[in-house]
Amino acid sequence: MLGETVAVVAALVWLYVAIIGTVRPNDLPLHIISWVPLRRDTVGIGCFGLSAAACLVSGLLRGRSVSRVVLGTVFGYSTVIAIYLMVGTVTHPETLTMALTHLANWPTERMTLVLAFATSICSFVLLRTSTHTSRTGIR
């Protein structure tokens, strides 16, 4: 229960930052809250990672198959990244050639979109294949 709560709350904070990044990308370097000296984009990165980790741990603690939990988490979070960057291509396409984060010069938003989309598709196919295999017993 705690892991799921952490995953949802952290995802909501990331969503807040993602919305700001989509509609007002120049506001990302500002502090998340005036009395917390952290940039919005830094908090968003941390919360995205925390949410993914909490989702993964929560799934593992429920006794589900490790491969299914990992594939489900990878699918969900890579899809969210792809959707976020697809929206960005519409709202501010000029940032596609820029670095994804202020923490590193690589990857660019465009490369991240390609990687996230490919990861999403691959993890979905593997997840569906493992689901089909576990239901039919075919190995």
Foldseek 3Di string as FASTA:
>chain_A
DVLQVLLVVLVVLLVVLLVCCLQPVVQQQPDPDPVDPDGSVVSNVVSLVSNLVSQLVVVVVVVDDNLLSVLVSLLVSLVVLLVSLVSNCVRPVVQQCAAPDPVDRDDGSVVSNVVSVVSNVVSVVVNVVVVVCVVVVPD
